[in-house]
N, C-alpha and C. Protein backbone atom coordinates (compact mmCIF):
# COMPACT_ATOMS: atom_id res chain seq x y z
N MET A 1 4.11 -21.62 7.68
CA MET A 1 4.96 -21.90 8.85
C MET A 1 4.72 -20.77 9.77
N ARG A 2 4.81 -21.10 11.10
CA ARG A 2 4.69 -20.09 12.13
C ARG A 2 6.12 -19.49 12.57
N TYR A 3 6.16 -18.24 12.86
CA TYR A 3 7.33 -17.67 13.15
C TYR A 3 7.03 -16.69 14.39
N LEU A 4 7.99 -16.58 15.35
CA LEU A 4 7.89 -15.62 16.31
C LEU A 4 8.55 -14.34 15.80
N LEU A 5 7.77 -13.31 15.66
CA LEU A 5 8.41 -12.00 15.26
C LEU A 5 8.65 -11.19 16.47
N LYS A 6 9.87 -10.73 16.61
CA LYS A 6 10.22 -9.78 17.72
C LYS A 6 10.71 -8.50 17.10
N ALA A 7 10.10 -7.53 17.41
CA ALA A 7 10.45 -6.07 16.93
C ALA A 7 10.78 -5.23 18.15
N ASN A 8 11.98 -4.84 18.15
CA ASN A 8 12.59 -3.94 19.20
C ASN A 8 12.56 -2.56 18.64
N ILE A 9 11.88 -1.68 19.22
CA ILE A 9 11.84 -0.25 18.82
C ILE A 9 12.70 0.60 19.63
N PRO A 10 13.78 1.21 19.13
CA PRO A 10 14.65 1.98 19.89
C PRO A 10 13.86 3.09 20.65
N ALA A 11 14.38 3.45 21.82
CA ALA A 11 13.58 4.32 22.70
C ALA A 11 13.29 5.67 22.08
N GLU A 12 14.40 6.18 21.36
CA GLU A 12 14.24 7.59 20.83
C GLU A 12 13.30 7.58 19.67
N ASP A 13 13.24 6.55 18.86
CA ASP A 13 12.33 6.49 17.73
C ASP A 13 10.88 6.27 18.29
N GLY A 14 10.82 5.51 19.37
CA GLY A 14 9.46 5.22 19.91
C GLY A 14 8.94 6.44 20.55
N ASN A 15 9.86 7.20 21.20
CA ASN A 15 9.37 8.47 21.80
C ASN A 15 8.87 9.42 20.81
N LYS A 16 9.66 9.58 19.64
CA LYS A 16 9.10 10.38 18.60
C LYS A 16 7.75 10.00 18.07
N ALA A 17 7.66 8.69 17.86
CA ALA A 17 6.41 8.17 17.33
C ALA A 17 5.20 8.39 18.25
N ILE A 18 5.51 8.30 19.52
CA ILE A 18 4.45 8.61 20.59
C ILE A 18 4.01 10.02 20.48
N LYS A 19 5.15 10.91 20.43
CA LYS A 19 4.84 12.40 20.46
C LYS A 19 4.11 12.85 19.22
N ASN A 20 4.43 12.28 18.09
CA ASN A 20 3.67 12.65 16.79
C ASN A 20 2.40 11.93 16.56
N GLY A 21 2.23 10.90 17.48
CA GLY A 21 0.80 10.22 17.43
C GLY A 21 0.85 9.06 16.46
N SER A 22 1.97 8.61 15.89
CA SER A 22 2.01 7.54 14.89
C SER A 22 2.25 6.15 15.50
N LEU A 23 2.74 6.06 16.76
CA LEU A 23 3.13 4.72 17.24
C LEU A 23 1.83 3.78 17.30
N GLY A 24 0.77 4.20 17.95
CA GLY A 24 -0.48 3.52 18.12
C GLY A 24 -1.03 3.17 16.80
N LYS A 25 -1.18 4.17 15.93
CA LYS A 25 -1.84 3.98 14.60
C LYS A 25 -1.12 2.95 13.78
N ASN A 26 0.29 3.20 13.59
CA ASN A 26 1.05 2.26 12.89
C ASN A 26 0.99 0.91 13.31
N MET A 27 1.05 0.73 14.70
CA MET A 27 1.09 -0.67 15.23
C MET A 27 -0.32 -1.32 14.97
N LYS A 28 -1.42 -0.51 15.03
CA LYS A 28 -2.70 -1.06 14.79
C LYS A 28 -2.85 -1.47 13.32
N ASP A 29 -2.29 -0.63 12.40
CA ASP A 29 -2.27 -0.95 11.04
C ASP A 29 -1.50 -2.29 10.70
N ILE A 30 -0.26 -2.31 11.38
CA ILE A 30 0.58 -3.52 11.04
C ILE A 30 -0.13 -4.77 11.56
N ILE A 31 -0.77 -4.70 12.75
CA ILE A 31 -1.45 -5.88 13.31
C ILE A 31 -2.58 -6.21 12.37
N SER A 32 -3.31 -5.28 11.92
CA SER A 32 -4.44 -5.54 11.09
C SER A 32 -4.03 -6.20 9.66
N GLU A 33 -2.87 -5.80 9.25
CA GLU A 33 -2.45 -6.38 7.91
C GLU A 33 -1.77 -7.74 8.07
N LEU A 34 -1.05 -7.92 9.19
CA LEU A 34 -0.38 -9.16 9.38
C LEU A 34 -1.17 -10.27 9.98
N LYS A 35 -2.33 -9.87 10.63
CA LYS A 35 -3.26 -10.88 11.25
C LYS A 35 -2.38 -11.85 12.08
N PRO A 36 -1.70 -11.50 13.09
CA PRO A 36 -0.92 -12.58 13.81
C PRO A 36 -1.85 -13.39 14.75
N GLU A 37 -1.39 -14.58 15.03
CA GLU A 37 -2.17 -15.50 15.95
C GLU A 37 -2.17 -14.96 17.28
N ALA A 38 -1.09 -14.28 17.71
CA ALA A 38 -1.02 -13.71 19.05
C ALA A 38 -0.14 -12.48 19.00
N VAL A 39 -0.34 -11.50 19.91
CA VAL A 39 0.47 -10.31 20.00
C VAL A 39 0.61 -10.01 21.47
N TYR A 40 1.90 -9.65 21.79
CA TYR A 40 2.16 -9.27 23.12
C TYR A 40 3.26 -8.05 23.02
N PHE A 41 3.29 -7.24 24.06
CA PHE A 41 4.20 -6.08 24.10
C PHE A 41 4.93 -6.11 25.51
N SER A 42 6.10 -5.71 25.51
CA SER A 42 6.95 -5.74 26.66
C SER A 42 8.16 -4.87 26.50
N PRO A 43 8.66 -4.28 27.64
CA PRO A 43 10.02 -3.63 27.50
C PRO A 43 11.01 -4.65 27.56
N GLU A 44 12.09 -4.49 26.80
CA GLU A 44 13.21 -5.46 26.65
C GLU A 44 14.47 -4.71 26.33
N ASN A 45 15.45 -4.77 27.28
CA ASN A 45 16.67 -4.02 27.10
C ASN A 45 16.50 -2.60 26.90
N GLY A 46 15.58 -1.91 27.58
CA GLY A 46 15.25 -0.54 27.39
C GLY A 46 14.54 -0.07 26.07
N GLN A 47 14.08 -0.98 25.47
CA GLN A 47 13.26 -0.66 24.25
C GLN A 47 11.82 -1.32 24.31
N ARG A 48 10.89 -0.63 23.61
CA ARG A 48 9.55 -1.14 23.51
C ARG A 48 9.63 -2.29 22.52
N THR A 49 9.01 -3.47 22.93
CA THR A 49 9.20 -4.68 22.13
C THR A 49 7.81 -5.24 21.83
N ALA A 50 7.64 -5.62 20.51
CA ALA A 50 6.41 -6.34 20.20
C ALA A 50 6.79 -7.80 19.82
N TYR A 51 5.98 -8.70 20.20
CA TYR A 51 6.05 -10.11 19.96
C TYR A 51 4.88 -10.52 19.25
N MET A 52 5.05 -11.19 18.12
CA MET A 52 3.82 -11.62 17.39
C MET A 52 4.14 -13.04 16.75
N ILE A 53 3.00 -13.88 16.69
CA ILE A 53 3.15 -15.10 16.01
C ILE A 53 2.56 -14.89 14.64
N VAL A 54 3.41 -14.99 13.67
CA VAL A 54 2.89 -14.71 12.24
C VAL A 54 3.12 -15.98 11.41
N ASN A 55 2.29 -16.09 10.38
CA ASN A 55 2.35 -17.25 9.51
C ASN A 55 2.76 -16.81 8.04
N PHE A 56 3.83 -17.49 7.56
CA PHE A 56 4.11 -17.30 6.11
C PHE A 56 4.75 -18.57 5.56
N ASN A 57 4.53 -18.83 4.29
CA ASN A 57 5.12 -19.94 3.59
C ASN A 57 6.14 -19.76 2.60
N ASP A 58 6.38 -18.49 2.25
CA ASP A 58 7.34 -18.15 1.18
C ASP A 58 8.27 -17.18 1.80
N ALA A 59 9.56 -17.29 1.57
CA ALA A 59 10.60 -16.47 2.08
C ALA A 59 10.38 -14.98 1.67
N SER A 60 9.69 -14.70 0.53
CA SER A 60 9.49 -13.39 0.12
C SER A 60 8.46 -12.64 1.03
N ASP A 61 7.71 -13.46 1.87
CA ASP A 61 6.90 -12.82 2.82
C ASP A 61 7.62 -12.05 3.87
N ILE A 62 8.87 -12.27 4.02
CA ILE A 62 9.76 -11.56 4.98
C ILE A 62 9.60 -10.11 4.77
N VAL A 63 9.57 -9.68 3.53
CA VAL A 63 9.54 -8.27 3.24
C VAL A 63 8.15 -7.64 3.75
N ARG A 64 7.03 -8.40 3.42
CA ARG A 64 5.81 -7.95 3.93
C ARG A 64 5.66 -7.88 5.40
N ILE A 65 6.37 -8.75 6.14
CA ILE A 65 6.31 -8.86 7.47
C ILE A 65 7.22 -7.88 8.21
N ALA A 66 8.48 -7.82 7.72
CA ALA A 66 9.48 -6.98 8.45
C ALA A 66 9.57 -5.59 8.21
N GLU A 67 9.35 -5.23 6.82
CA GLU A 67 9.46 -3.82 6.35
C GLU A 67 8.67 -2.74 7.13
N PRO A 68 7.32 -3.20 7.43
CA PRO A 68 6.62 -2.11 8.16
C PRO A 68 7.20 -1.70 9.53
N PHE A 69 7.85 -2.66 10.16
CA PHE A 69 8.57 -2.26 11.46
C PHE A 69 9.85 -1.49 11.23
N PHE A 70 10.53 -1.85 10.18
CA PHE A 70 11.71 -0.97 9.83
C PHE A 70 11.35 0.35 9.51
N LEU A 71 10.35 0.58 8.67
CA LEU A 71 9.99 1.86 8.09
C LEU A 71 9.35 2.70 9.13
N ALA A 72 8.32 2.13 9.86
CA ALA A 72 7.50 2.91 10.79
C ALA A 72 8.21 3.20 12.15
N PHE A 73 9.13 2.30 12.60
CA PHE A 73 9.67 2.40 13.93
C PHE A 73 11.25 2.34 14.02
N ASN A 74 11.89 2.16 12.82
CA ASN A 74 13.35 1.91 12.87
C ASN A 74 13.70 0.70 13.76
N ALA A 75 12.84 -0.27 13.72
CA ALA A 75 12.92 -1.46 14.72
C ALA A 75 13.96 -2.43 14.14
N GLU A 76 14.47 -3.15 15.22
CA GLU A 76 15.27 -4.34 14.91
C GLU A 76 14.29 -5.51 14.90
N VAL A 77 14.33 -6.24 13.85
CA VAL A 77 13.32 -7.37 13.70
C VAL A 77 13.97 -8.76 13.76
N HIS A 78 13.51 -9.61 14.49
CA HIS A 78 13.98 -11.07 14.52
C HIS A 78 12.87 -11.94 14.11
N LEU A 79 13.11 -12.96 13.32
CA LEU A 79 11.94 -13.94 13.00
C LEU A 79 12.68 -15.30 13.35
N THR A 80 11.90 -16.04 14.18
CA THR A 80 12.38 -17.37 14.62
C THR A 80 11.30 -18.35 14.31
N PRO A 81 11.53 -19.49 13.68
CA PRO A 81 10.58 -20.50 13.47
C PRO A 81 10.13 -21.05 14.84
N VAL A 82 8.78 -21.33 14.97
CA VAL A 82 8.31 -21.94 16.21
C VAL A 82 7.32 -22.97 15.85
N MET A 83 7.06 -23.90 16.77
CA MET A 83 6.09 -25.05 16.62
C MET A 83 5.06 -25.00 17.67
N THR A 84 3.82 -25.45 17.35
CA THR A 84 2.83 -25.75 18.29
C THR A 84 3.09 -27.16 18.91
N PRO A 85 2.33 -27.55 19.95
CA PRO A 85 2.61 -28.93 20.47
C PRO A 85 2.24 -30.00 19.38
N GLU A 86 1.27 -29.80 18.47
CA GLU A 86 0.94 -30.66 17.41
C GLU A 86 2.12 -30.73 16.34
N ASP A 87 2.74 -29.61 16.04
CA ASP A 87 3.85 -29.62 15.15
C ASP A 87 5.05 -30.43 15.86
N LEU A 88 5.34 -30.26 17.04
CA LEU A 88 6.35 -31.00 17.76
C LEU A 88 6.02 -32.44 17.71
N ASP A 89 4.78 -32.89 17.95
CA ASP A 89 4.41 -34.25 17.89
C ASP A 89 4.64 -34.82 16.60
N LYS A 90 4.31 -34.05 15.61
CA LYS A 90 4.49 -34.54 14.14
C LYS A 90 6.12 -34.76 13.88
N GLY A 91 6.80 -33.75 14.37
CA GLY A 91 8.24 -33.88 14.11
C GLY A 91 8.89 -35.05 14.81
N PHE A 92 8.30 -35.39 16.01
CA PHE A 92 8.86 -36.57 16.81
C PHE A 92 8.64 -37.85 16.07
N ARG A 93 7.67 -37.87 15.24
CA ARG A 93 7.40 -39.16 14.45
C ARG A 93 8.55 -39.56 13.65
N ASN A 94 9.42 -38.69 13.31
CA ASN A 94 10.62 -39.04 12.52
C ASN A 94 11.84 -39.14 13.38
N LEU A 95 11.76 -39.00 14.76
CA LEU A 95 12.87 -38.83 15.63
C LEU A 95 13.54 -40.28 15.74
N GLU A 96 12.87 -41.32 15.68
CA GLU A 96 13.52 -42.64 15.81
C GLU A 96 14.38 -42.95 14.63
N THR A 97 14.01 -42.61 13.42
CA THR A 97 14.80 -42.72 12.22
C THR A 97 16.07 -41.86 12.29
N ILE A 98 15.81 -40.59 12.74
CA ILE A 98 17.00 -39.69 12.89
C ILE A 98 17.99 -40.20 13.90
N VAL A 99 17.52 -40.60 15.08
CA VAL A 99 18.39 -41.09 16.14
C VAL A 99 19.18 -42.34 15.68
N SER A 100 18.53 -43.27 15.08
CA SER A 100 19.19 -44.55 14.67
C SER A 100 20.25 -44.29 13.53
N LYS A 101 20.01 -43.22 12.79
CA LYS A 101 21.02 -42.94 11.84
C LYS A 101 22.25 -42.07 12.23
N TYR A 102 22.02 -41.13 13.32
CA TYR A 102 23.03 -40.17 13.55
C TYR A 102 23.55 -40.29 15.06
N ALA A 103 22.84 -40.79 15.93
CA ALA A 103 23.29 -40.81 17.30
C ALA A 103 24.37 -41.87 17.51
N GLN A 104 25.34 -41.34 18.18
CA GLN A 104 26.56 -42.19 18.67
C GLN A 104 27.00 -43.14 17.57
N ARG A 105 27.36 -42.55 16.46
CA ARG A 105 27.98 -43.48 15.36
C ARG A 105 29.37 -43.92 15.80
């Protein structure tokens, strides 16, 4: 299943990581290990933020995916399930049944 991973790195922790040279190396290592479908970076609410589309099928993978950001950057990590257009189309195949059962009872 695809998830949008958002990791917010607090400014002070990010500054320390830049000064000691670990931010770039750790981020490259994490990307190499997670092999995300896509990666983007942006400032958000005064913090360095990484966005990645990651895949996992088992809840235990949350440890493998989130812990590197906690340990390397003291990051706040959010995981949100996401769909491709094909996934959405597949889901819509069940929509008629759901609507007939639950809509406006």
